[in-house]
PDB file of N, CA and C in Angstrom:
ATOM      1  N   MET A   1       0.853  -1.171   0.000  1.00  0.00           N
ATOM      2  CA  MET A   1       0.000   0.000   0.000  1.00  0.00           C
ATOM      3  C   MET A   1       0.893   1.226   0.000  1.00  0.00           C
ATOM      4  N   GLY A   2       0.550   2.219  -0.766  1.00  0.00           N
ATOM      5  CA  GLY A   2       1.337   3.430  -0.851  1.00  0.00           C
ATOM      6  C   GLY A   2       1.253   4.236   0.425  1.00  0.00           C
ATOM      7  N   ALA A   3       2.399   4.759   0.885  1.00  0.00           N
ATOM      8  CA  ALA A   3       2.439   5.500   2.147  1.00  0.00           C
ATOM      9  C   ALA A   3       1.621   6.786   2.066  1.00  0.00           C
ATOM     10  N   GLN A   4       1.559   7.404   0.880  1.00  0.00           N
ATOM     11  CA  GLN A   4       0.829   8.653   0.763  1.00  0.00           C
ATOM     12  C   GLN A   4      -0.684   8.463   0.806  1.00  0.00           C
ATOM     13  N   SER A   5      -1.156   7.255   0.587  1.00  0.00           N
ATOM     14  CA  SER A   5      -2.589   7.038   0.476  1.00  0.00           C
ATOM     15  C   SER A   5      -3.237   6.558   1.769  1.00  0.00           C
ATOM     16  N   ILE A   6      -2.441   6.175   2.752  1.00  0.00           N
ATOM     17  CA  ILE A   6      -3.030   5.604   3.962  1.00  0.00           C
ATOM     18  C   ILE A   6      -2.130   5.875   5.158  1.00  0.00           C
ATOM     19  N   ASN A   7      -2.763   6.160   6.298  1.00  0.00           N
ATOM     20  CA  ASN A   7      -1.963   6.389   7.497  1.00  0.00           C
ATOM     21  C   ASN A   7      -1.929   5.125   8.368  1.00  0.00           C
ATOM     22  N   GLU A   8      -1.140   5.186   9.424  1.00  0.00           N
ATOM     23  CA  GLU A   8      -0.928   4.015  10.286  1.00  0.00           C
ATOM     24  C   GLU A   8      -2.232   3.532  10.930  1.00  0.00           C
ATOM     25  N   GLU A   9      -3.073   4.451  11.371  1.00  0.00           N
ATOM     26  CA  GLU A   9      -4.351   4.084  11.992  1.00  0.00           C
ATOM     27  C   GLU A   9      -5.268   3.389  10.987  1.00  0.00           C
ATOM     28  N   GLU A  10      -5.297   3.892   9.766  1.00  0.00           N
ATOM     29  CA  GLU A  10      -6.114   3.269   8.721  1.00  0.00           C
ATOM     30  C   GLU A  10      -5.574   1.887   8.351  1.00  0.00           C
ATOM     31  N   TYR A  11      -4.267   1.765   8.321  1.00  0.00           N
ATOM     32  CA  TYR A  11      -3.644   0.469   8.032  1.00  0.00           C
ATOM     33  C   TYR A  11      -4.058  -0.554   9.088  1.00  0.00           C
ATOM     34  N   ARG A  12      -4.010  -0.166  10.361  1.00  0.00           N
ATOM     35  CA  ARG A  12      -4.392  -1.064  11.456  1.00  0.00           C
ATOM     36  C   ARG A  12      -5.873  -1.435  11.336  1.00  0.00           C
ATOM     37  N   LEU A  13      -6.690  -0.477  10.947  1.00  0.00           N
ATOM     38  CA  LEU A  13      -8.123  -0.723  10.771  1.00  0.00           C
ATOM     39  C   LEU A  13      -8.355  -1.755   9.663  1.00  0.00           C
ATOM     40  N   ILE A  14      -7.647  -1.606   8.549  1.00  0.00           N
ATOM     41  CA  ILE A  14      -7.769  -2.560   7.439  1.00  0.00           C
ATOM     42  C   ILE A  14      -7.313  -3.941   7.885  1.00  0.00           C
ATOM     43  N   GLN A  15      -6.215  -3.995   8.601  1.00  0.00           N
ATOM     44  CA  GLN A  15      -5.704  -5.276   9.082  1.00  0.00           C
ATOM     45  C   GLN A  15      -6.722  -5.934  10.025  1.00  0.00           C
ATOM     46  N   ASP A  16      -7.275  -5.162  10.956  1.00  0.00           N
ATOM     47  CA  ASP A  16      -8.286  -5.716  11.866  1.00  0.00           C
ATOM     48  C   ASP A  16      -9.521  -6.175  11.105  1.00  0.00           C
ATOM     49  N   TYR A  17      -9.938  -5.415  10.115  1.00  0.00           N
ATOM     50  CA  TYR A  17     -11.108  -5.760   9.295  1.00  0.00           C
ATOM     51  C   TYR A  17     -10.910  -7.139   8.655  1.00  0.00           C
ATOM     52  N   CYS A  18      -9.687  -7.400   8.224  1.00  0.00           N
ATOM     53  CA  CYS A  18      -9.391  -8.656   7.535  1.00  0.00           C
ATOM     54  C   CYS A  18      -9.129  -9.819   8.501  1.00  0.00           C
ATOM     55  N   ILE A  19      -8.502  -9.548   9.654  1.00  0.00           N
ATOM     56  CA  ILE A  19      -8.067 -10.616  10.546  1.00  0.00           C
ATOM     57  C   ILE A  19      -9.120 -11.010  11.581  1.00  0.00           C
ATOM     58  N   LEU A  20      -9.875 -10.058  12.099  1.00  0.00           N
ATOM     59  CA  LEU A  20     -10.816 -10.384  13.181  1.00  0.00           C
ATOM     60  C   LEU A  20     -11.806 -11.504  12.849  1.00  0.00           C
ATOM     61  N   PRO A  21     -12.318 -11.588  11.615  1.00  0.00           N
ATOM     62  CA  PRO A  21     -13.197 -12.729  11.320  1.00  0.00           C
ATOM     63  C   PRO A  21     -12.497 -14.087  11.470  1.00  0.00           C
ATOM     64  N   PHE A  22     -11.200 -14.146  11.168  1.00  0.00           N
ATOM     65  CA  PHE A  22     -10.449 -15.385  11.356  1.00  0.00           C
ATOM     66  C   PHE A  22     -10.303 -15.716  12.836  1.00  0.00           C
ATOM     67  N   VAL A  23     -10.090 -14.684  13.649  1.00  0.00           N
ATOM     68  CA  VAL A  23      -9.979 -14.885  15.094  1.00  0.00           C
ATOM     69  C   VAL A  23     -11.303 -15.433  15.635  1.00  0.00           C
ATOM     70  N   ARG A  24     -12.398 -14.819  15.217  1.00  0.00           N
ATOM     71  CA  ARG A  24     -13.731 -15.272  15.637  1.00  0.00           C
ATOM     72  C   ARG A  24     -13.952 -16.728  15.250  1.00  0.00           C
ATOM     73  N   ASP A  25     -13.628 -17.070  13.999  1.00  0.00           N
ATOM     74  CA  ASP A  25     -13.828 -18.434  13.528  1.00  0.00           C
ATOM     75  C   ASP A  25     -12.978 -19.440  14.308  1.00  0.00           C
ATOM     76  N   ALA A  26     -11.752 -19.061  14.646  1.00  0.00           N
ATOM     77  CA  ALA A  26     -10.884 -19.949  15.420  1.00  0.00           C
ATOM     78  C   ALA A  26     -11.470 -20.217  16.802  1.00  0.00           C
ATOM     79  N   VAL A  27     -11.991 -19.172  17.447  1.00  0.00           N
ATOM     80  CA  VAL A  27     -12.587 -19.347  18.773  1.00  0.00           C
ATOM     81  C   VAL A  27     -13.828 -20.243  18.682  1.00  0.00           C
ATOM     82  N   ILE A  28     -14.643 -20.021  17.669  1.00  0.00           N
ATOM     83  CA  ILE A  28     -15.845 -20.842  17.478  1.00  0.00           C
ATOM     84  C   ILE A  28     -15.465 -22.304  17.257  1.00  0.00           C
ATOM     85  N   ASN A  29     -14.513 -22.548  16.370  1.00  0.00           N
ATOM     86  CA  ASN A  29     -14.096 -23.927  16.065  1.00  0.00           C
ATOM     87  C   ASN A  29     -13.491 -24.619  17.282  1.00  0.00           C
ATOM     88  N   ASN A  30     -12.647 -23.890  18.031  1.00  0.00           N
ATOM     89  CA  ASN A  30     -12.047 -24.481  19.226  1.00  0.00           C
ATOM     90  C   ASN A  30     -13.098 -24.761  20.294  1.00  0.00           C
ATOM     91  N   SER A  31     -14.066 -23.888  20.412  1.00  0.00           N
ATOM     92  CA  SER A  31     -15.129 -24.081  21.392  1.00  0.00           C
ATOM     93  C   SER A  31     -15.967 -25.312  21.049  1.00  0.00           C
ATOM     94  N   LYS A  32     -16.289 -25.463  19.762  1.00  0.00           N
ATOM     95  CA  LYS A  32     -17.042 -26.651  19.320  1.00  0.00           C
ATOM     96  C   LYS A  32     -16.253 -27.929  19.605  1.00  0.00           C
ATOM     97  N   ALA A  33     -14.965 -27.905  19.313  1.00  0.00           N
ATOM     98  CA  ALA A  33     -14.126 -29.083  19.561  1.00  0.00           C
ATOM     99  C   ALA A  33     -14.075 -29.396  21.052  1.00  0.00           C
ATOM    100  N   MET A  34     -14.002 -28.371  21.875  1.00  0.00           N
ATOM    101  CA  MET A  34     -13.961 -28.581  23.314  1.00  0.00           C
ATOM    102  C   MET A  34     -15.281 -29.160  23.814  1.00  0.00           C
ATOM    103  N   MET A  35     -16.398 -28.682  23.270  1.00  0.00           N
ATOM    104  CA  MET A  35     -17.711 -29.196  23.679  1.00  0.00           C
ATOM    105  C   MET A  35     -17.834 -30.687  23.394  1.00  0.00           C
ATOM    106  N   GLU A  36     -17.197 -31.130  22.326  1.00  0.00           N
ATOM    107  CA  GLU A  36     -17.279 -32.540  21.947  1.00  0.00           C
ATOM    108  C   GLU A  36     -16.254 -33.401  22.680  1.00  0.00           C
ATOM    109  N   SER A  37     -15.385 -32.750  23.449  1.00  0.00           N
ATOM    110  CA  SER A  37     -14.341 -33.493  24.158  1.00  0.00           C
ATOM    111  C   SER A  37     -14.885 -34.080  25.449  1.00  0.00           C
ATOM    112  N   GLY A  38     -14.085 -34.896  26.059  1.00  0.00           N
ATOM    113  CA  GLY A  38     -14.476 -35.492  27.326  1.00  0.00           C
ATOM    114  C   GLY A  38     -13.833 -34.811  28.521  1.00  0.00           C
ATOM    115  N   TYR A  39     -13.219 -33.653  28.305  1.00  0.00           N
ATOM    116  CA  TYR A  39     -12.535 -32.965  29.397  1.00  0.00           C
ATOM    117  C   TYR A  39     -13.509 -32.519  30.476  1.00  0.00           C
ATOM    118  N   SER A  40     -13.111 -32.703  31.713  1.00  0.00           N
ATOM    119  CA  SER A  40     -14.000 -32.376  32.824  1.00  0.00           C
ATOM    120  C   SER A  40     -14.213 -30.866  32.967  1.00  0.00           C
ATOM    121  N   MET A  41     -13.265 -30.056  32.518  1.00  0.00           N
ATOM    122  CA  MET A  41     -13.393 -28.601  32.668  1.00  0.00           C
ATOM    123  C   MET A  41     -13.796 -27.918  31.359  1.00  0.00           C
ATOM    124  N   LYS A  42     -14.411 -28.668  30.467  1.00  0.00           N
ATOM    125  CA  LYS A  42     -14.757 -28.105  29.170  1.00  0.00           C
ATOM    126  C   LYS A  42     -15.714 -26.923  29.291  1.00  0.00           C
ATOM    127  N   MET A  43     -16.596 -26.922  30.270  1.00  0.00           N
ATOM    128  CA  MET A  43     -17.552 -25.819  30.392  1.00  0.00           C
ATOM    129  C   MET A  43     -16.849 -24.511  30.730  1.00  0.00           C
ATOM    130  N   LEU A  44     -15.750 -24.574  31.483  1.00  0.00           N
ATOM    131  CA  LEU A  44     -14.974 -23.373  31.764  1.00  0.00           C
ATOM    132  C   LEU A  44     -14.454 -22.787  30.456  1.00  0.00           C
ATOM    133  N   TYR A  45     -13.911 -23.634  29.606  1.00  0.00           N
ATOM    134  CA  TYR A  45     -13.391 -23.180  28.319  1.00  0.00           C
ATOM    135  C   TYR A  45     -14.522 -22.647  27.442  1.00  0.00           C
ATOM    136  N   VAL A  46     -15.627 -23.351  27.391  1.00  0.00           N
ATOM    137  CA  VAL A  46     -16.743 -22.950  26.531  1.00  0.00           C
ATOM    138  C   VAL A  46     -17.318 -21.609  26.997  1.00  0.00           C
ATOM    139  N   LYS A  47     -17.525 -21.448  28.282  1.00  0.00           N
ATOM    140  CA  LYS A  47     -18.063 -20.178  28.814  1.00  0.00           C
ATOM    141  C   LYS A  47     -17.076 -19.035  28.575  1.00  0.00           C
ATOM    142  N   SER A  48     -15.795 -19.303  28.762  1.00  0.00           N
ATOM    143  CA  SER A  48     -14.778 -18.282  28.477  1.00  0.00           C
ATOM    144  C   SER A  48     -14.785 -17.916  27.000  1.00  0.00           C
ATOM    145  N   SER A  49     -14.945 -18.928  26.143  1.00  0.00           N
ATOM    146  CA  SER A  49     -15.009 -18.690  24.698  1.00  0.00           C
ATOM    147  C   SER A  49     -16.184 -17.795  24.347  1.00  0.00           C
ATOM    148  N   GLU A  50     -17.315 -18.032  24.979  1.00  0.00           N
ATOM    149  CA  GLU A  50     -18.503 -17.207  24.730  1.00  0.00           C
ATOM    150  C   GLU A  50     -18.242 -15.753  25.109  1.00  0.00           C
ATOM    151  N   MET A  51     -17.543 -15.544  26.228  1.00  0.00           N
ATOM    152  CA  MET A  51     -17.221 -14.180  26.649  1.00  0.00           C
ATOM    153  C   MET A  51     -16.267 -13.514  25.646  1.00  0.00           C
ATOM    154  N   VAL A  52     -15.260 -14.253  25.217  1.00  0.00           N
ATOM    155  CA  VAL A  52     -14.302 -13.725  24.238  1.00  0.00           C
ATOM    156  C   VAL A  52     -15.017 -13.430  22.915  1.00  0.00           C
ATOM    157  N   LEU A  53     -15.920 -14.314  22.513  1.00  0.00           N
ATOM    158  CA  LEU A  53     -16.663 -14.101  21.264  1.00  0.00           C
ATOM    159  C   LEU A  53     -17.479 -12.809  21.305  1.00  0.00           C
ATOM    160  N   ARG A  54     -18.077 -12.520  22.442  1.00  0.00           N
ATOM    161  CA  ARG A  54     -18.846 -11.265  22.548  1.00  0.00           C
ATOM    162  C   ARG A  54     -17.940 -10.053  22.331  1.00  0.00           C
ATOM    163  N   ILE A  55     -16.741 -10.101  22.889  1.00  0.00           N
ATOM    164  CA  ILE A  55     -15.791  -8.997  22.727  1.00  0.00           C
ATOM    165  C   ILE A  55     -15.348  -8.894  21.275  1.00  0.00           C
ATOM    166  N   ILE A  56     -15.036 -10.028  20.655  1.00  0.00           N
ATOM    167  CA  ILE A  56     -14.604 -10.042  19.248  1.00  0.00           C
ATOM    168  C   ILE A  56     -15.711  -9.506  18.347  1.00  0.00           C
ATOM    169  N   GLU A  57     -16.931  -9.960  18.571  1.00  0.00           N
ATOM    170  CA  GLU A  57     -18.063  -9.490  17.748  1.00  0.00           C
ATOM    171  C   GLU A  57     -18.225  -7.972  17.873  1.00  0.00           C
ATOM    172  N   GLU A  58     -18.075  -7.449  19.071  1.00  0.00           N
ATOM    173  CA  GLU A  58     -18.165  -6.001  19.267  1.00  0.00           C
ATOM    174  C   GLU A  58     -17.040  -5.290  18.513  1.00  0.00           C
ATOM    175  N   ASP A  59     -15.834  -5.844  18.567  1.00  0.00           N
ATOM    176  CA  ASP A  59     -14.707  -5.256  17.838  1.00  0.00           C
ATOM    177  C   ASP A  59     -14.948  -5.300  16.331  1.00  0.00           C
ATOM    178  N   ILE A  60     -15.502  -6.396  15.833  1.00  0.00           N
ATOM    179  CA  ILE A  60     -15.811  -6.496  14.401  1.00  0.00           C
ATOM    180  C   ILE A  60     -16.834  -5.428  14.017  1.00  0.00           C
ATOM    181  N   ARG A  61     -17.877  -5.259  14.830  1.00  0.00           N
ATOM    182  CA  ARG A  61     -18.875  -4.210  14.539  1.00  0.00           C
ATOM    183  C   ARG A  61     -18.236  -2.824  14.526  1.00  0.00           C
ATOM    184  N   ASN A  62     -17.362  -2.554  15.501  1.00  0.00           N
ATOM    185  CA  ASN A  62     -16.700  -1.247  15.566  1.00  0.00           C
ATOM    186  C   ASN A  62     -15.802  -1.006  14.357  1.00  0.00           C
ATOM    187  N   VAL A  63     -15.035  -2.025  13.976  1.00  0.00           N
ATOM    188  CA  VAL A  63     -14.135  -1.888  12.823  1.00  0.00           C
ATOM    189  C   VAL A  63     -14.945  -1.662  11.545  1.00  0.00           C
ATOM    190  N   ARG A  64     -15.998  -2.423  11.366  1.00  0.00           N
ATOM    191  CA  ARG A  64     -16.836  -2.249  10.169  1.00  0.00           C
ATOM    192  C   ARG A  64     -17.461  -0.862  10.142  1.00  0.00           C
ATOM    193  N   SER A  65     -17.883  -0.392  11.283  1.00  0.00           N
ATOM    194  CA  SER A  65     -18.457   0.952  11.372  1.00  0.00           C
ATOM    195  C   SER A  65     -17.426   2.012  10.987  1.00  0.00           C
ATOM    196  N   GLN A  66     -16.209   1.872  11.476  1.00  0.00           N
ATOM    197  CA  GLN A  66     -15.150   2.829  11.140  1.00  0.00           C
ATOM    198  C   GLN A  66     -14.814   2.785   9.647  1.00  0.00           C
ATOM    199  N   VAL A  67     -14.812   1.590   9.069  1.00  0.00           N
ATOM    200  CA  VAL A  67     -14.549   1.462   7.628  1.00  0.00           C
ATOM    201  C   VAL A  67     -15.659   2.170   6.843  1.00  0.00           C
ATOM    202  N   ARG A  68     -16.915   1.995   7.284  1.00  0.00           N
ATOM    203  CA  ARG A  68     -18.025   2.681   6.613  1.00  0.00           C
ATOM    204  C   ARG A  68     -17.890   4.200   6.724  1.00  0.00           C
ATOM    205  N   LYS A  69     -17.490   4.690   7.894  1.00  0.00           N
ATOM    206  CA  LYS A  69     -17.311   6.139   8.090  1.00  0.00           C
ATOM    207  C   LYS A  69     -16.237   6.694   7.164  1.00  0.00           C
ATOM    208  N   LEU A  70     -15.214   5.892   6.901  1.00  0.00           N
ATOM    209  CA  LEU A  70     -14.156   6.314   5.980  1.00  0.00           C
ATOM    210  C   LEU A  70     -14.590   6.196   4.521  1.00  0.00           C
ATOM    211  N   LYS A  71     -15.762   5.577   4.307  1.00  0.00           N
ATOM    212  CA  LYS A  71     -16.251   5.296   2.960  1.00  0.00           C
ATOM    213  C   LYS A  71     -15.239   4.460   2.188  1.00  0.00           C
ATOM    214  N   ALA A  72     -14.643   3.522   2.901  1.00  0.00           N
ATOM    215  CA  ALA A  72     -13.650   2.627   2.308  1.00  0.00           C
ATOM    216  C   ALA A  72     -14.323   1.338   1.851  1.00  0.00           C
ATOM    217  N   SER A  73     -13.680   0.700   0.918  1.00  0.00           N
ATOM    218  CA  SER A  73     -14.141  -0.592   0.419  1.00  0.00           C
ATOM    219  C   SER A  73     -12.983  -1.571   0.540  1.00  0.00           C
ATOM    220  N   ILE A  74     -13.246  -2.726   1.165  1.00  0.00           N
ATOM    221  CA  ILE A  74     -12.231  -3.759   1.320  1.00  0.00           C
ATOM    222  C   ILE A  74     -12.841  -5.064   0.828  1.00  0.00           C
ATOM    223  N   ALA A  75     -12.219  -5.647  -0.191  1.00  0.00           N
ATOM    224  CA  ALA A  75     -12.770  -6.875  -0.771  1.00  0.00           C
ATOM    225  C   ALA A  75     -11.656  -7.868  -1.063  1.00  0.00           C
ATOM    226  N   GLU A  76     -11.919  -9.132  -0.747  1.00  0.00           N
ATOM    227  CA  GLU A  76     -10.977 -10.194  -1.067  1.00  0.00           C
ATOM    228  C   GLU A  76     -10.987 -10.409  -2.576  1.00  0.00           C
ATOM    229  N   VAL A  77      -9.789 -10.447  -3.172  1.00  0.00           N
ATOM    230  CA  VAL A  77      -9.719 -10.660  -4.615  1.00  0.00           C
ATOM    231  C   VAL A  77      -9.037 -11.973  -4.995  1.00  0.00           C
ATOM    232  N   LYS A  78      -8.190 -12.497  -4.101  1.00  0.00           N
ATOM    233  CA  LYS A  78      -7.496 -13.741  -4.424  1.00  0.00           C
ATOM    234  C   LYS A  78      -7.035 -14.409  -3.135  1.00  0.00           C
ATOM    235  N   ARG A  79      -7.105 -15.739  -3.136  1.00  0.00           N
ATOM    236  CA  ARG A  79      -6.662 -16.516  -1.973  1.00  0.00           C
ATOM    237  C   ARG A  79      -5.844 -17.691  -2.482  1.00  0.00           C
ATOM    238  N   ASN A  80      -4.701 -17.933  -1.837  1.00  0.00           N
ATOM    239  CA  ASN A  80      -3.895 -19.106  -2.158  1.00  0.00           C
ATOM    240  C   ASN A  80      -3.207 -19.592  -0.887  1.00  0.00           C
ATOM    241  N   ASP A  81      -2.291 -20.536  -1.019  1.00  0.00           N
ATOM    242  CA  ASP A  81      -1.631 -21.117   0.153  1.00  0.00           C
ATOM    243  C   ASP A  81      -0.774 -20.107   0.910  1.00  0.00           C
ATOM    244  N   ASP A  82      -0.320 -19.070   0.237  1.00  0.00           N
ATOM    245  CA  ASP A  82       0.531 -18.060   0.880  1.00  0.00           C
ATOM    246  C   ASP A  82      -0.268 -17.040   1.682  1.00  0.00           C
ATOM    247  N   GLY A  83      -1.519 -16.804   1.281  1.00  0.00           N
ATOM    248  CA  GLY A  83      -2.323 -15.810   1.988  1.00  0.00           C
ATOM    249  C   GLY A  83      -3.499 -15.335   1.161  1.00  0.00           C
ATOM    250  N   ILE A  84      -3.951 -14.140   1.514  1.00  0.00           N
ATOM    251  CA  ILE A  84      -5.136 -13.565   0.872  1.00  0.00           C
ATOM    252  C   ILE A  84      -4.782 -12.164   0.383  1.00  0.00           C
ATOM    253  N   LEU A  85      -5.248 -11.844  -0.819  1.00  0.00           N
ATOM    254  CA  LEU A  85      -5.040 -10.518  -1.390  1.00  0.00           C
ATOM    255  C   LEU A  85      -6.369  -9.778  -1.364  1.00  0.00           C
ATOM    256  N   TYR A  86      -6.347  -8.570  -0.816  1.00  0.00           N
ATOM    257  CA  TYR A  86      -7.529  -7.719  -0.746  1.00  0.00           C
ATOM    258  C   TYR A  86      -7.315  -6.489  -1.611  1.00  0.00           C
ATOM    259  N   GLU A  87      -8.415  -5.976  -2.130  1.00  0.00           N
ATOM    260  CA  GLU A  87      -8.395  -4.682  -2.810  1.00  0.00           C
ATOM    261  C   GLU A  87      -9.005  -3.677  -1.837  1.00  0.00           C
ATOM    262  N   VAL A  88      -8.293  -2.578  -1.626  1.00  0.00           N
ATOM    263  CA  VAL A  88      -8.749  -1.532  -0.715  1.00  0.00           C
ATOM    264  C   VAL A  88      -8.916  -0.253  -1.515  1.00  0.00           C
ATOM    265  N   ILE A  89     -10.102   0.342  -1.405  1.00  0.00           N
ATOM    266  CA  ILE A  89     -10.346   1.639  -2.033  1.00  0.00           C
ATOM    267  C   ILE A  89     -10.636   2.629  -0.907  1.00  0.00           C
ATOM    268  N   LEU A  90      -9.811   3.663  -0.829  1.00  0.00           N
ATOM    269  CA  LEU A  90      -9.917   4.657   0.238  1.00  0.00           C
ATOM    270  C   LEU A  90      -9.514   6.020  -0.310  1.00  0.00           C
ATOM    271  N   ARG A  91     -10.399   6.973  -0.174  1.00  0.00           N
ATOM    272  CA  ARG A  91     -10.173   8.352  -0.653  1.00  0.00           C
ATOM    273  C   ARG A  91      -9.721   8.390  -2.109  1.00  0.00           C
ATOM    274  N   GLY A  92     -10.316   7.542  -2.923  1.00  0.00           N
ATOM    275  CA  GLY A  92      -9.991   7.542  -4.341  1.00  0.00           C
ATOM    276  C   GLY A  92      -8.768   6.722  -4.717  1.00  0.00           C
ATOM    277  N   TYR A  93      -8.031   6.259  -3.719  1.00  0.00           N
ATOM    278  CA  TYR A  93      -6.868   5.424  -3.992  1.00  0.00           C
ATOM    279  C   TYR A  93      -7.293   3.970  -4.011  1.00  0.00           C
ATOM    280  N   LYS A  94      -6.824   3.251  -5.000  1.00  0.00           N
ATOM    281  CA  LYS A  94      -7.051   1.808  -5.062  1.00  0.00           C
ATOM    282  C   LYS A  94      -5.720   1.141  -4.755  1.00  0.00           C
ATOM    283  N   SER A  95      -5.711   0.307  -3.710  1.00  0.00           N
ATOM    284  CA  SER A  95      -4.489  -0.359  -3.280  1.00  0.00           C
ATOM    285  C   SER A  95      -4.750  -1.833  -3.084  1.00  0.00           C
ATOM    286  N   GLU A  96      -3.665  -2.573  -3.022  1.00  0.00           N
ATOM    287  CA  GLU A  96      -3.766  -3.981  -2.680  1.00  0.00           C
ATOM    288  C   GLU A  96      -3.191  -4.175  -1.293  1.00  0.00           C
ATOM    289  N   TYR A  97      -3.819  -5.049  -0.537  1.00  0.00           N
ATOM    290  CA  TYR A  97      -3.350  -5.391   0.805  1.00  0.00           C
ATOM    291  C   TYR A  97      -3.202  -6.903   0.850  1.00  0.00           C
ATOM    292  N   ALA A  98      -1.984  -7.365   1.025  1.00  0.00           N
ATOM    293  CA  ALA A  98      -1.716  -8.798   1.080  1.00  0.00           C
ATOM    294  C   ALA A  98      -1.634  -9.223   2.535  1.00  0.00           C
ATOM    295  N   LEU A  99      -2.432 -10.189   2.871  1.00  0.00           N
ATOM    296  CA  LEU A  99      -2.433 -10.734   4.223  1.00  0.00           C
ATOM    297  C   LEU A  99      -1.799 -12.117   4.141  1.00  0.00           C
ATOM    298  N   LEU A 100      -0.533 -12.200   4.511  1.00  0.00           N
ATOM    299  CA  LEU A 100       0.212 -13.446   4.398  1.00  0.00           C
ATOM    300  C   LEU A 100      -0.116 -14.383   5.550  1.00  0.00           C
ATOM    301  N   ARG A 101      -0.096 -15.664   5.254  1.00  0.00           N
ATOM    302  CA  ARG A 101      -0.494 -16.685   6.233  1.00  0.00           C
ATOM    303  C   ARG A 101       0.270 -16.549   7.549  1.00  0.00           C
ATOM    304  N   HIS A 102       1.585 -16.349   7.494  1.00  0.00           N
ATOM    305  CA  HIS A 102       2.362 -16.254   8.741  1.00  0.00           C
ATOM    306  C   HIS A 102       1.997 -15.001   9.528  1.00  0.00           C
ATOM    307  N   VAL A 103       1.616 -13.940   8.841  1.00  0.00           N
ATOM    308  CA  VAL A 103       1.175 -12.716   9.520  1.00  0.00           C
ATOM    309  C   VAL A 103      -0.172 -12.955  10.205  1.00  0.00           C
ATOM    310  N   VAL A 104      -1.063 -13.657   9.518  1.00  0.00           N
ATOM    311  CA  VAL A 104      -2.382 -13.967  10.089  1.00  0.00           C
ATOM    312  C   VAL A 104      -2.206 -14.780  11.364  1.00  0.00           C
ATOM    313  N   LYS A 105      -1.381 -15.806  11.319  1.00  0.00           N
ATOM    314  CA  LYS A 105      -1.176 -16.658  12.496  1.00  0.00           C
ATOM    315  C   LYS A 105      -0.622 -15.852  13.664  1.00  0.00           C
ATOM    316  N   LYS A 106       0.369 -15.011  13.386  1.00  0.00           N
ATOM    317  CA  LYS A 106       0.987 -14.201  14.440  1.00  0.00           C
ATOM    318  C   LYS A 106      -0.018 -13.214  15.022  1.00  0.00           C
ATOM    319  N   GLU A 107      -0.739 -12.518  14.167  1.00  0.00           N
ATOM    320  CA  GLU A 107      -1.721 -11.535  14.633  1.00  0.00           C
ATOM    321  C   GLU A 107      -2.870 -12.201  15.385  1.00  0.00           C
ATOM    322  N   MET A 108      -3.310 -13.353  14.903  1.00  0.00           N
ATOM    323  CA  MET A 108      -4.375 -14.084  15.602  1.00  0.00           C
ATOM    324  C   MET A 108      -3.919 -14.460  17.002  1.00  0.00           C
ATOM    325  N   ALA A 109      -2.701 -14.966  17.122  1.00  0.00           N
ATOM    326  CA  ALA A 109      -2.178 -15.361  18.434  1.00  0.00           C
ATOM    327  C   ALA A 109      -2.097 -14.148  19.358  1.00  0.00           C
ATOM    328  N   ASN A 110      -1.618 -13.017  18.831  1.00  0.00           N
ATOM    329  CA  ASN A 110      -1.524 -11.792  19.644  1.00  0.00           C
ATOM    330  C   ASN A 110      -2.901 -11.324  20.096  1.00  0.00           C
ATOM    331  N   LYS A 111      -3.848 -11.311  19.177  1.00  0.00           N
ATOM    332  CA  LYS A 111      -5.196 -10.854  19.513  1.00  0.00           C
ATOM    333  C   LYS A 111      -5.861 -11.788  20.517  1.00  0.00           C
ATOM    334  N   LEU A 112      -5.736 -13.087  20.314  1.00  0.00           N
ATOM    335  CA  LEU A 112      -6.326 -14.041  21.253  1.00  0.00           C
ATOM    336  C   LEU A 112      -5.727 -13.886  22.641  1.00  0.00           C
ATOM    337  N   GLN A 113      -4.433 -13.679  22.700  1.00  0.00           N
ATOM    338  CA  GLN A 113      -3.775 -13.489  23.990  1.00  0.00           C
ATOM    339  C   GLN A 113      -4.339 -12.248  24.697  1.00  0.00           C
ATOM    340  N   ARG A 114      -4.546 -11.163  23.950  1.00  0.00           N
ATOM    341  CA  ARG A 114      -5.107  -9.945  24.554  1.00  0.00           C
ATOM    342  C   ARG A 114      -6.552 -10.161  24.988  1.00  0.00           C
ATOM    343  N   TYR A 115      -7.338 -10.834  24.151  1.00  0.00           N
ATOM    344  CA  TYR A 115      -8.747 -11.086  24.510  1.00  0.00           C
ATOM    345  C   TYR A 115      -8.837 -11.952  25.757  1.00  0.00           C
ATOM    346  N   ILE A 116      -8.072 -13.008  25.813  1.00  0.00           N
ATOM    347  CA  ILE A 116      -8.101 -13.902  26.969  1.00  0.00           C
ATOM    348  C   ILE A 116      -7.602 -13.159  28.212  1.00  0.00           C
ATOM    349  N   GLY A 117      -6.539 -12.387  28.026  1.00  0.00           N
ATOM    350  CA  GLY A 117      -6.026 -11.601  29.144  1.00  0.00           C
ATOM    351  C   GLY A 117      -7.050 -10.626  29.699  1.00  0.00           C
ATOM    352  N   SER A 118      -7.889 -10.084  28.816  1.00  0.00           N
ATOM    353  CA  SER A 118      -8.882  -9.106  29.264  1.00  0.00           C
ATOM    354  C   SER A 118      -9.943  -9.753  30.164  1.00  0.00           C
ATOM    355  N   LEU A 119     -10.128 -11.065  30.049  1.00  0.00           N
ATOM    356  CA  LEU A 119     -11.091 -11.760  30.910  1.00  0.00           C
ATOM    357  C   LEU A 119     -10.629 -11.810  32.357  1.00  0.00           C
ATOM    358  N   PHE A 120      -9.326 -11.712  32.562  1.00  0.00           N
ATOM    359  CA  PHE A 120      -8.779 -11.907  33.897  1.00  0.00           C
ATOM    360  C   PHE A 120      -8.261 -10.614  34.528  1.00  0.00           C
ATOM    361  N   ARG A 121      -8.672  -9.485  33.996  1.00  0.00           N
ATOM    362  CA  ARG A 121      -8.294  -8.206  34.607  1.00  0.00           C
ATOM    363  C   ARG A 121      -9.363  -7.738  35.525  1.00  0.00           C
TER     364      ARG A 121
END
């Protein structure tokens, strides 16, 4: 993405717009797997997952709202084993945003750690 067309806050917003749905899906999938397990403390994990999901859903709504306020458009244009390519249109600039698989994994882990940590503050 060109530096003149987007600032750091907008870049973070675009990244969150693209990554947060993956974080939500991971929590949902892990929660389902835990429910089907025989672990004695599975309800603790499932209830915690529900709390984290509420926070993630709120963050997704906020990010989408901010993207709408910017009158930006973010659309997936290509997906392969390396990652996902998005087209971003903002203030008349058309840019590409590549979300690489290793970046997604790292960001998901960071976000999950913060969400889980927020439950225990």
